[in-house]
Amino acid sequence: MRRVLWSPPGLALYEREVLDWLDTLGESAARRVRSDIERATEVLAQRPIGRPGRIAGTYEKSVVGQPYIIAYALLPRDDGGADDILILRVVHTSRDWPPGRWPQ
């Protein structure tokens, strides 16, 4: 199975923009959304089935049942194993996301 890694900027933005906001929704809602995002990353570890991303060299996977998109890249492994998944961003679908660059 592929490893799922977080880019340092991607993890920091996820914690600040997603998890901090989810905490304002209450424990039950936050737990449900976090669980759905984690489940989507687990699916990527089994099969990276996202669509080509808006930024060259990236892919996007929608989080089922939630208004989030996981942007990721594939990282070849030195040992010849299956490519690792590098999570670059978790983006809310309401964000203005122009082609070729990250949402601001």
PDB file of N, CA and C in Angstrom:
ATOM      1  N   MET A   1       0.847  -1.183   0.000  1.00  0.00           N
ATOM      2  CA  MET A   1       0.000   0.000   0.000  1.00  0.00           C
ATOM      3  C   MET A   1       0.891   1.246   0.000  1.00  0.00           C
ATOM      4  N   ARG A   2       0.375   2.272  -0.624  1.00  0.00           N
ATOM      5  CA  ARG A   2       1.107   3.537  -0.674  1.00  0.00           C
ATOM      6  C   ARG A   2       1.114   4.219   0.691  1.00  0.00           C
ATOM      7  N   ARG A   3       2.158   4.976   0.923  1.00  0.00           N
ATOM      8  CA  ARG A   3       2.189   5.817   2.120  1.00  0.00           C
ATOM      9  C   ARG A   3       1.525   7.144   1.790  1.00  0.00           C
ATOM     10  N   VAL A   4       0.831   7.716   2.765  1.00  0.00           N
ATOM     11  CA  VAL A   4       0.243   9.043   2.626  1.00  0.00           C
ATOM     12  C   VAL A   4       1.071   9.987   3.491  1.00  0.00           C
ATOM     13  N   LEU A   5       1.651  10.982   2.852  1.00  0.00           N
ATOM     14  CA  LEU A   5       2.484  11.972   3.528  1.00  0.00           C
ATOM     15  C   LEU A   5       1.831  13.336   3.359  1.00  0.00           C
ATOM     16  N   TRP A   6       2.078  14.218   4.298  1.00  0.00           N
ATOM     17  CA  TRP A   6       1.577  15.594   4.202  1.00  0.00           C
ATOM     18  C   TRP A   6       2.757  16.514   3.950  1.00  0.00           C
ATOM     19  N   SER A   7       2.593  17.426   3.005  1.00  0.00           N
ATOM     20  CA  SER A   7       3.606  18.471   2.848  1.00  0.00           C
ATOM     21  C   SER A   7       3.504  19.370   4.074  1.00  0.00           C
ATOM     22  N   PRO A   8       4.619  19.897   4.582  1.00  0.00           N
ATOM     23  CA  PRO A   8       4.530  20.784   5.752  1.00  0.00           C
ATOM     24  C   PRO A   8       3.579  21.962   5.548  1.00  0.00           C
ATOM     25  N   PRO A   9       3.623  22.668   4.392  1.00  0.00           N
ATOM     26  CA  PRO A   9       2.657  23.757   4.216  1.00  0.00           C
ATOM     27  C   PRO A   9       1.222  23.243   4.141  1.00  0.00           C
ATOM     28  N   GLY A  10       1.023  22.099   3.494  1.00  0.00           N
ATOM     29  CA  GLY A  10      -0.319  21.526   3.382  1.00  0.00           C
ATOM     30  C   GLY A  10      -0.896  21.154   4.732  1.00  0.00           C
ATOM     31  N   LEU A  11      -0.071  20.580   5.600  1.00  0.00           N
ATOM     32  CA  LEU A  11      -0.531  20.207   6.936  1.00  0.00           C
ATOM     33  C   LEU A  11      -0.841  21.449   7.770  1.00  0.00           C
ATOM     34  N   ALA A  12       0.027  22.453   7.691  1.00  0.00           N
ATOM     35  CA  ALA A  12      -0.205  23.688   8.457  1.00  0.00           C
ATOM     36  C   ALA A  12      -1.506  24.362   8.013  1.00  0.00           C
ATOM     37  N   LEU A  13      -1.742  24.413   6.704  1.00  0.00           N
ATOM     38  CA  LEU A  13      -2.980  25.025   6.200  1.00  0.00           C
ATOM     39  C   LEU A  13      -4.199  24.192   6.581  1.00  0.00           C
ATOM     40  N   TYR A  14      -4.085  22.884   6.544  1.00  0.00           N
ATOM     41  CA  TYR A  14      -5.185  22.003   6.945  1.00  0.00           C
ATOM     42  C   TYR A  14      -5.558  22.253   8.401  1.00  0.00           C
ATOM     43  N   GLU A  15      -4.538  22.330   9.253  1.00  0.00           N
ATOM     44  CA  GLU A  15      -4.806  22.578  10.670  1.00  0.00           C
ATOM     45  C   GLU A  15      -5.431  23.952  10.889  1.00  0.00           C
ATOM     46  N   ARG A  16      -4.910  24.963  10.188  1.00  0.00           N
ATOM     47  CA  ARG A  16      -5.380  26.333  10.394  1.00  0.00           C
ATOM     48  C   ARG A  16      -6.713  26.608   9.705  1.00  0.00           C
ATOM     49  N   GLU A  17      -6.845  26.209   8.447  1.00  0.00           N
ATOM     50  CA  GLU A  17      -8.028  26.577   7.672  1.00  0.00           C
ATOM     51  C   GLU A  17      -9.183  25.599   7.814  1.00  0.00           C
ATOM     52  N   VAL A  18      -8.888  24.337   8.071  1.00  0.00           N
ATOM     53  CA  VAL A  18      -9.955  23.343   8.135  1.00  0.00           C
ATOM     54  C   VAL A  18     -10.255  22.948   9.575  1.00  0.00           C
ATOM     55  N   LEU A  19      -9.263  22.412  10.271  1.00  0.00           N
ATOM     56  CA  LEU A  19      -9.528  21.903  11.621  1.00  0.00           C
ATOM     57  C   LEU A  19      -9.941  23.001  12.594  1.00  0.00           C
ATOM     58  N   ASP A  20      -9.288  24.141  12.544  1.00  0.00           N
ATOM     59  CA  ASP A  20      -9.670  25.232  13.445  1.00  0.00           C
ATOM     60  C   ASP A  20     -11.101  25.683  13.178  1.00  0.00           C
ATOM     61  N   TRP A  21     -11.480  25.753  11.904  1.00  0.00           N
ATOM     62  CA  TRP A  21     -12.851  26.138  11.573  1.00  0.00           C
ATOM     63  C   TRP A  21     -13.842  25.063  12.010  1.00  0.00           C
ATOM     64  N   LEU A  22     -13.482  23.800  11.808  1.00  0.00           N
ATOM     65  CA  LEU A  22     -14.383  22.710  12.204  1.00  0.00           C
ATOM     66  C   LEU A  22     -14.665  22.726  13.707  1.00  0.00           C
ATOM     67  N   ASP A  23     -13.689  23.125  14.484  1.00  0.00           N
ATOM     68  CA  ASP A  23     -13.886  23.187  15.937  1.00  0.00           C
ATOM     69  C   ASP A  23     -15.021  24.130  16.318  1.00  0.00           C
ATOM     70  N   THR A  24     -15.314  25.094  15.458  1.00  0.00           N
ATOM     71  CA  THR A  24     -16.408  26.025  15.763  1.00  0.00           C
ATOM     72  C   THR A  24     -17.779  25.392  15.511  1.00  0.00           C
ATOM     73  N   LEU A  25     -17.809  24.265  14.796  1.00  0.00           N
ATOM     74  CA  LEU A  25     -19.077  23.605  14.466  1.00  0.00           C
ATOM     75  C   LEU A  25     -19.589  22.694  15.566  1.00  0.00           C
ATOM     76  N   GLY A  26     -18.742  22.394  16.505  1.00  0.00           N
ATOM     77  CA  GLY A  26     -19.118  21.440  17.541  1.00  0.00           C
ATOM     78  C   GLY A  26     -18.418  20.114  17.314  1.00  0.00           C
ATOM     79  N   GLU A  27     -18.294  19.371  18.381  1.00  0.00           N
ATOM     80  CA  GLU A  27     -17.494  18.150  18.359  1.00  0.00           C
ATOM     81  C   GLU A  27     -18.010  17.109  17.373  1.00  0.00           C
ATOM     82  N   SER A  28     -19.302  16.886  17.342  1.00  0.00           N
ATOM     83  CA  SER A  28     -19.869  15.851  16.478  1.00  0.00           C
ATOM     84  C   SER A  28     -19.648  16.159  15.003  1.00  0.00           C
ATOM     85  N   ALA A  29     -19.938  17.371  14.591  1.00  0.00           N
ATOM     86  CA  ALA A  29     -19.760  17.761  13.192  1.00  0.00           C
ATOM     87  C   ALA A  29     -18.283  17.728  12.803  1.00  0.00           C
ATOM     88  N   ALA A  30     -17.433  18.239  13.669  1.00  0.00           N
ATOM     89  CA  ALA A  30     -16.000  18.257  13.384  1.00  0.00           C
ATOM     90  C   ALA A  30     -15.467  16.836  13.235  1.00  0.00           C
ATOM     91  N   ARG A  31     -15.880  15.950  14.103  1.00  0.00           N
ATOM     92  CA  ARG A  31     -15.430  14.558  14.041  1.00  0.00           C
ATOM     93  C   ARG A  31     -15.864  13.901  12.731  1.00  0.00           C
ATOM     94  N   ARG A  32     -17.090  14.178  12.308  1.00  0.00           N
ATOM     95  CA  ARG A  32     -17.624  13.581  11.070  1.00  0.00           C
ATOM     96  C   ARG A  32     -16.826  14.063   9.848  1.00  0.00           C
ATOM     97  N   VAL A  33     -16.572  15.360   9.763  1.00  0.00           N
ATOM     98  CA  VAL A  33     -15.843  15.897   8.612  1.00  0.00           C
ATOM     99  C   VAL A  33     -14.403  15.380   8.616  1.00  0.00           C
ATOM    100  N   ARG A  34     -13.756  15.417   9.778  1.00  0.00           N
ATOM    101  CA  ARG A  34     -12.381  14.898   9.879  1.00  0.00           C
ATOM    102  C   ARG A  34     -12.318  13.440   9.446  1.00  0.00           C
ATOM    103  N   SER A  35     -13.296  12.658   9.899  1.00  0.00           N
ATOM    104  CA  SER A  35     -13.346  11.241   9.557  1.00  0.00           C
ATOM    105  C   SER A  35     -13.501  11.050   8.050  1.00  0.00           C
ATOM    106  N   ASP A  36     -14.351  11.840   7.414  1.00  0.00           N
ATOM    107  CA  ASP A  36     -14.546  11.730   5.969  1.00  0.00           C
ATOM    108  C   ASP A  36     -13.268  12.101   5.208  1.00  0.00           C
ATOM    109  N   ILE A  37     -12.558  13.116   5.667  1.00  0.00           N
ATOM    110  CA  ILE A  37     -11.299  13.508   5.024  1.00  0.00           C
ATOM    111  C   ILE A  37     -10.264  12.408   5.209  1.00  0.00           C
ATOM    112  N   GLU A  38     -10.173  11.853   6.407  1.00  0.00           N
ATOM    113  CA  GLU A  38      -9.217  10.765   6.657  1.00  0.00           C
ATOM    114  C   GLU A  38      -9.553   9.542   5.806  1.00  0.00           C
ATOM    115  N   ARG A  39     -10.829   9.236   5.681  1.00  0.00           N
ATOM    116  CA  ARG A  39     -11.245   8.091   4.863  1.00  0.00           C
ATOM    117  C   ARG A  39     -10.851   8.320   3.401  1.00  0.00           C
ATOM    118  N   ALA A  40     -11.006   9.544   2.906  1.00  0.00           N
ATOM    119  CA  ALA A  40     -10.618   9.846   1.521  1.00  0.00           C
ATOM    120  C   ALA A  40      -9.118   9.665   1.322  1.00  0.00           C
ATOM    121  N   THR A  41      -8.311  10.038   2.308  1.00  0.00           N
ATOM    122  CA  THR A  41      -6.863   9.841   2.171  1.00  0.00           C
ATOM    123  C   THR A  41      -6.518   8.352   2.213  1.00  0.00           C
ATOM    124  N   GLU A  42      -7.260   7.574   2.982  1.00  0.00           N
ATOM    125  CA  GLU A  42      -7.033   6.128   3.018  1.00  0.00           C
ATOM    126  C   GLU A  42      -7.361   5.490   1.672  1.00  0.00           C
ATOM    127  N   VAL A  43      -8.419   5.979   1.025  1.00  0.00           N
ATOM    128  CA  VAL A  43      -8.771   5.483  -0.314  1.00  0.00           C
ATOM    129  C   VAL A  43      -7.640   5.796  -1.285  1.00  0.00           C
ATOM    130  N   LEU A  44      -7.065   6.996  -1.175  1.00  0.00           N
ATOM    131  CA  LEU A  44      -5.950   7.357  -2.049  1.00  0.00           C
ATOM    132  C   LEU A  44      -4.757   6.434  -1.837  1.00  0.00           C
ATOM    133  N   ALA A  45      -4.528   6.010  -0.610  1.00  0.00           N
ATOM    134  CA  ALA A  45      -3.418   5.105  -0.324  1.00  0.00           C
ATOM    135  C   ALA A  45      -3.615   3.763  -1.026  1.00  0.00           C
ATOM    136  N   GLN A  46      -4.861   3.354  -1.157  1.00  0.00           N
ATOM    137  CA  GLN A  46      -5.148   2.089  -1.831  1.00  0.00           C
ATOM    138  C   GLN A  46      -5.140   2.249  -3.350  1.00  0.00           C
ATOM    139  N   ARG A  47      -5.775   3.334  -3.817  1.00  0.00           N
ATOM    140  CA  ARG A  47      -5.865   3.605  -5.258  1.00  0.00           C
ATOM    141  C   ARG A  47      -5.959   5.104  -5.476  1.00  0.00           C
ATOM    142  N   PRO A  48      -4.931   5.713  -6.026  1.00  0.00           N
ATOM    143  CA  PRO A  48      -5.000   7.157  -6.294  1.00  0.00           C
ATOM    144  C   PRO A  48      -5.881   7.422  -7.518  1.00  0.00           C
ATOM    145  N   ILE A  49      -7.156   7.604  -7.268  1.00  0.00           N
ATOM    146  CA  ILE A  49      -8.132   7.674  -8.357  1.00  0.00           C
ATOM    147  C   ILE A  49      -8.649   9.089  -8.594  1.00  0.00           C
ATOM    148  N   GLY A  50      -7.860  10.072  -8.225  1.00  0.00           N
ATOM    149  CA  GLY A  50      -8.296  11.453  -8.432  1.00  0.00           C
ATOM    150  C   GLY A  50      -8.181  11.880  -9.878  1.00  0.00           C
ATOM    151  N   ARG A  51      -8.715  13.039 -10.154  1.00  0.00           N
ATOM    152  CA  ARG A  51      -8.664  13.618 -11.497  1.00  0.00           C
ATOM    153  C   ARG A  51      -7.418  14.516 -11.599  1.00  0.00           C
ATOM    154  N   PRO A  52      -6.994  14.830 -12.820  1.00  0.00           N
ATOM    155  CA  PRO A  52      -5.873  15.774 -12.963  1.00  0.00           C
ATOM    156  C   PRO A  52      -6.203  17.091 -12.271  1.00  0.00           C
ATOM    157  N   GLY A  53      -5.209  17.658 -11.597  1.00  0.00           N
ATOM    158  CA  GLY A  53      -5.418  18.879 -10.826  1.00  0.00           C
ATOM    159  C   GLY A  53      -5.343  20.150 -11.652  1.00  0.00           C
ATOM    160  N   ARG A  54      -5.701  21.240 -11.020  1.00  0.00           N
ATOM    161  CA  ARG A  54      -5.652  22.553 -11.663  1.00  0.00           C
ATOM    162  C   ARG A  54      -4.238  23.097 -11.726  1.00  0.00           C
ATOM    163  N   ILE A  55      -3.339  22.469 -10.965  1.00  0.00           N
ATOM    164  CA  ILE A  55      -1.933  22.858 -10.966  1.00  0.00           C
ATOM    165  C   ILE A  55      -1.150  21.696 -11.586  1.00  0.00           C
ATOM    166  N   ALA A  56      -0.264  21.997 -12.508  1.00  0.00           N
ATOM    167  CA  ALA A  56       0.496  20.968 -13.216  1.00  0.00           C
ATOM    168  C   ALA A  56       1.154  20.003 -12.228  1.00  0.00           C
ATOM    169  N   GLY A  57       1.052  18.721 -12.521  1.00  0.00           N
ATOM    170  CA  GLY A  57       1.690  17.696 -11.711  1.00  0.00           C
ATOM    171  C   GLY A  57       0.905  17.286 -10.481  1.00  0.00           C
ATOM    172  N   THR A  58      -0.319  17.797 -10.336  1.00  0.00           N
ATOM    173  CA  THR A  58      -1.134  17.450  -9.173  1.00  0.00           C
ATOM    174  C   THR A  58      -2.398  16.718  -9.603  1.00  0.00           C
ATOM    175  N   TYR A  59      -3.046  16.161  -8.598  1.00  0.00           N
ATOM    176  CA  TYR A  59      -4.330  15.482  -8.785  1.00  0.00           C
ATOM    177  C   TYR A  59      -5.282  15.969  -7.706  1.00  0.00           C
ATOM    178  N   GLU A  60      -6.572  15.742  -7.927  1.00  0.00           N
ATOM    179  CA  GLU A  60      -7.578  16.173  -6.962  1.00  0.00           C
ATOM    180  C   GLU A  60      -8.543  15.037  -6.685  1.00  0.00           C
ATOM    181  N   LYS A  61      -8.886  14.883  -5.416  1.00  0.00           N
ATOM    182  CA  LYS A  61      -9.855  13.867  -4.987  1.00  0.00           C
ATOM    183  C   LYS A  61     -10.915  14.561  -4.151  1.00  0.00           C
ATOM    184  N   SER A  62     -12.166  14.445  -4.580  1.00  0.00           N
ATOM    185  CA  SER A  62     -13.273  15.006  -3.804  1.00  0.00           C
ATOM    186  C   SER A  62     -13.500  14.152  -2.567  1.00  0.00           C
ATOM    187  N   VAL A  63     -13.846  14.802  -1.470  1.00  0.00           N
ATOM    188  CA  VAL A  63     -14.189  14.096  -0.238  1.00  0.00           C
ATOM    189  C   VAL A  63     -15.687  13.818  -0.298  1.00  0.00           C
ATOM    190  N   VAL A  64     -16.041  12.548  -0.365  1.00  0.00           N
ATOM    191  CA  VAL A  64     -17.444  12.150  -0.502  1.00  0.00           C
ATOM    192  C   VAL A  64     -18.257  12.679   0.680  1.00  0.00           C
ATOM    193  N   GLY A  65     -19.345  13.362   0.360  1.00  0.00           N
ATOM    194  CA  GLY A  65     -20.254  13.856   1.381  1.00  0.00           C
ATOM    195  C   GLY A  65     -19.828  15.146   2.054  1.00  0.00           C
ATOM    196  N   GLN A  66     -18.692  15.710   1.629  1.00  0.00           N
ATOM    197  CA  GLN A  66     -18.186  16.939   2.245  1.00  0.00           C
ATOM    198  C   GLN A  66     -17.763  17.919   1.152  1.00  0.00           C
ATOM    199  N   PRO A  67     -17.777  19.210   1.452  1.00  0.00           N
ATOM    200  CA  PRO A  67     -17.396  20.208   0.441  1.00  0.00           C
ATOM    201  C   PRO A  67     -15.880  20.480   0.429  1.00  0.00           C
ATOM    202  N   TYR A  68     -15.090  19.412   0.349  1.00  0.00           N
ATOM    203  CA  TYR A  68     -13.631  19.545   0.348  1.00  0.00           C
ATOM    204  C   TYR A  68     -13.024  18.758  -0.789  1.00  0.00           C
ATOM    205  N   ILE A  69     -11.891  19.256  -1.260  1.00  0.00           N
ATOM    206  CA  ILE A  69     -11.093  18.592  -2.280  1.00  0.00           C
ATOM    207  C   ILE A  69      -9.697  18.415  -1.705  1.00  0.00           C
ATOM    208  N   ILE A  70      -9.157  17.214  -1.877  1.00  0.00           N
ATOM    209  CA  ILE A  70      -7.782  16.936  -1.473  1.00  0.00           C
ATOM    210  C   ILE A  70      -6.909  17.060  -2.718  1.00  0.00           C
ATOM    211  N   ALA A  71      -5.963  17.978  -2.687  1.00  0.00           N
ATOM    212  CA  ALA A  71      -5.004  18.134  -3.777  1.00  0.00           C
ATOM    213  C   ALA A  71      -3.746  17.368  -3.381  1.00  0.00           C
ATOM    214  N   TYR A  72      -3.256  16.530  -4.296  1.00  0.00           N
ATOM    215  CA  TYR A  72      -2.109  15.705  -3.961  1.00  0.00           C
ATOM    216  C   TYR A  72      -1.218  15.494  -5.184  1.00  0.00           C
ATOM    217  N   ALA A  73      -0.025  14.974  -4.901  1.00  0.00           N
ATOM    218  CA  ALA A  73       0.923  14.609  -5.953  1.00  0.00           C
ATOM    219  C   ALA A  73       1.391  13.185  -5.678  1.00  0.00           C
ATOM    220  N   LEU A  74       1.896  12.548  -6.707  1.00  0.00           N
ATOM    221  CA  LEU A  74       2.471  11.217  -6.566  1.00  0.00           C
ATOM    222  C   LEU A  74       3.985  11.348  -6.466  1.00  0.00           C
ATOM    223  N   LEU A  75       4.558  10.674  -5.481  1.00  0.00           N
ATOM    224  CA  LEU A  75       6.004  10.716  -5.288  1.00  0.00           C
ATOM    225  C   LEU A  75       6.585   9.336  -5.554  1.00  0.00           C
ATOM    226  N   PRO A  76       7.438   9.212  -6.577  1.00  0.00           N
ATOM    227  CA  PRO A  76       8.066   7.914  -6.833  1.00  0.00           C
ATOM    228  C   PRO A  76       8.954   7.518  -5.650  1.00  0.00           C
ATOM    229  N   ARG A  77       8.973   6.232  -5.364  1.00  0.00           N
ATOM    230  CA  ARG A  77       9.796   5.717  -4.271  1.00  0.00           C
ATOM    231  C   ARG A  77      11.111   5.187  -4.816  1.00  0.00           C
ATOM    232  N   ASP A  78      12.159   5.331  -4.029  1.00  0.00           N
ATOM    233  CA  ASP A  78      13.480   4.850  -4.432  1.00  0.00           C
ATOM    234  C   ASP A  78      13.541   3.330  -4.495  1.00  0.00           C
ATOM    235  N   ASP A  79      12.701   2.664  -3.698  1.00  0.00           N
ATOM    236  CA  ASP A  79      12.755   1.203  -3.637  1.00  0.00           C
ATOM    237  C   ASP A  79      11.922   0.531  -4.726  1.00  0.00           C
ATOM    238  N   GLY A  80      11.334   1.315  -5.617  1.00  0.00           N
ATOM    239  CA  GLY A  80      10.553   0.757  -6.704  1.00  0.00           C
ATOM    240  C   GLY A  80       9.125   0.405  -6.317  1.00  0.00           C
ATOM    241  N   GLY A  81       8.747   0.665  -5.077  1.00  0.00           N
ATOM    242  CA  GLY A  81       7.385   0.391  -4.634  1.00  0.00           C
ATOM    243  C   GLY A  81       6.403   1.380  -5.240  1.00  0.00           C
ATOM    244  N   ALA A  82       5.126   1.184  -4.914  1.00  0.00           N
ATOM    245  CA  ALA A  82       4.071   2.077  -5.413  1.00  0.00           C
ATOM    246  C   ALA A  82       4.352   3.510  -4.970  1.00  0.00           C
ATOM    247  N   ASP A  83       4.046   4.450  -5.855  1.00  0.00           N
ATOM    248  CA  ASP A  83       4.255   5.866  -5.547  1.00  0.00           C
ATOM    249  C   ASP A  83       3.563   6.242  -4.244  1.00  0.00           C
ATOM    250  N   ASP A  84       4.226   7.101  -3.462  1.00  0.00           N
ATOM    251  CA  ASP A  84       3.601   7.646  -2.265  1.00  0.00           C
ATOM    252  C   ASP A  84       2.646   8.761  -2.659  1.00  0.00           C
ATOM    253  N   ILE A  85       1.715   9.062  -1.778  1.00  0.00           N
ATOM    254  CA  ILE A  85       0.767  10.157  -1.961  1.00  0.00           C
ATOM    255  C   ILE A  85       1.245  11.317  -1.094  1.00  0.00           C
ATOM    256  N   LEU A  86       1.439  12.476  -1.681  1.00  0.00           N
ATOM    257  CA  LEU A  86       1.816  13.677  -0.935  1.00  0.00           C
ATOM    258  C   LEU A  86       0.630  14.631  -0.944  1.00  0.00           C
ATOM    259  N   ILE A  87       0.012  14.815   0.219  1.00  0.00           N
ATOM    260  CA  ILE A  87      -1.116  15.741   0.341  1.00  0.00           C
ATOM    261  C   ILE A  87      -0.558  17.160   0.326  1.00  0.00           C
ATOM    262  N   LEU A  88      -1.015  17.941  -0.629  1.00  0.00           N
ATOM    263  CA  LEU A  88      -0.538  19.316  -0.784  1.00  0.00           C
ATOM    264  C   LEU A  88      -1.467  20.329  -0.134  1.00  0.00           C
ATOM    265  N   ARG A  89      -2.768  20.114  -0.261  1.00  0.00           N
ATOM    266  CA  ARG A  89      -3.762  21.030   0.308  1.00  0.00           C
ATOM    267  C   ARG A  89      -5.078  20.295   0.484  1.00  0.00           C
ATOM    268  N   VAL A  90      -5.881  20.767   1.409  1.00  0.00           N
ATOM    269  CA  VAL A  90      -7.286  20.393   1.508  1.00  0.00           C
ATOM    270  C   VAL A  90      -8.048  21.702   1.347  1.00  0.00           C
ATOM    271  N   VAL A  91      -8.854  21.778   0.284  1.00  0.00           N
ATOM    272  CA  VAL A  91      -9.471  23.041  -0.100  1.00  0.00           C
ATOM    273  C   VAL A  91     -10.990  22.914  -0.040  1.00  0.00           C
ATOM    274  N   HIS A  92     -11.632  23.892   0.579  1.00  0.00           N
ATOM    275  CA  HIS A  92     -13.093  23.943   0.601  1.00  0.00           C
ATOM    276  C   HIS A  92     -13.568  24.320  -0.800  1.00  0.00           C
ATOM    277  N   THR A  93     -14.644  23.686  -1.246  1.00  0.00           N
ATOM    278  CA  THR A  93     -15.115  23.914  -2.614  1.00  0.00           C
ATOM    279  C   THR A  93     -15.661  25.317  -2.853  1.00  0.00           C
ATOM    280  N   SER A  94     -15.932  26.067  -1.799  1.00  0.00           N
ATOM    281  CA  SER A  94     -16.424  27.435  -1.982  1.00  0.00           C
ATOM    282  C   SER A  94     -15.294  28.423  -2.271  1.00  0.00           C
ATOM    283  N   ARG A  95     -14.057  27.977  -2.140  1.00  0.00           N
ATOM    284  CA  ARG A  95     -12.920  28.872  -2.369  1.00  0.00           C
ATOM    285  C   ARG A  95     -12.767  29.179  -3.850  1.00  0.00           C
ATOM    286  N   ASP A  96     -12.365  30.384  -4.164  1.00  0.00           N
ATOM    287  CA  ASP A  96     -12.043  30.774  -5.528  1.00  0.00           C
ATOM    288  C   ASP A  96     -10.696  30.139  -5.867  1.00  0.00           C
ATOM    289  N   TRP A  97     -10.708  29.204  -6.801  1.00  0.00           N
ATOM    290  CA  TRP A  97      -9.508  28.445  -7.122  1.00  0.00           C
ATOM    291  C   TRP A  97      -9.212  28.579  -8.610  1.00  0.00           C
ATOM    292  N   PRO A  98      -8.430  29.587  -8.978  1.00  0.00           N
ATOM    293  CA  PRO A  98      -8.144  29.794 -10.395  1.00  0.00           C
ATOM    294  C   PRO A  98      -7.198  28.719 -10.939  1.00  0.00           C
ATOM    295  N   PRO A  99      -7.323  28.378 -12.213  1.00  0.00           N
ATOM    296  CA  PRO A  99      -6.437  27.386 -12.803  1.00  0.00           C
ATOM    297  C   PRO A  99      -4.979  27.825 -12.676  1.00  0.00           C
ATOM    298  N   GLY A 100      -4.125  26.860 -12.356  1.00  0.00           N
ATOM    299  CA  GLY A 100      -2.692  27.110 -12.328  1.00  0.00           C
ATOM    300  C   GLY A 100      -2.123  27.682 -11.048  1.00  0.00           C
ATOM    301  N   ARG A 101      -2.972  27.955 -10.035  1.00  0.00           N
ATOM    302  CA  ARG A 101      -2.434  28.448  -8.762  1.00  0.00           C
ATOM    303  C   ARG A 101      -3.351  28.071  -7.621  1.00  0.00           C
ATOM    304  N   TRP A 102      -2.823  28.146  -6.423  1.00  0.00           N
ATOM    305  CA  TRP A 102      -3.597  27.777  -5.239  1.00  0.00           C
ATOM    306  C   TRP A 102      -4.570  28.876  -4.856  1.00  0.00           C
ATOM    307  N   PRO A 103      -5.657  28.514  -4.192  1.00  0.00           N
ATOM    308  CA  PRO A 103      -6.584  29.549  -3.715  1.00  0.00           C
ATOM    309  C   PRO A 103      -5.889  30.478  -2.720  1.00  0.00           C
ATOM    310  N   GLN A 104      -6.328  31.708  -2.708  1.00  0.00           N
ATOM    311  CA  GLN A 104      -5.757  32.679  -1.746  1.00  0.00           C
ATOM    312  C   GLN A 104      -6.699  32.872  -0.590  1.00  0.00           C
TER     313      GLN A 104
END
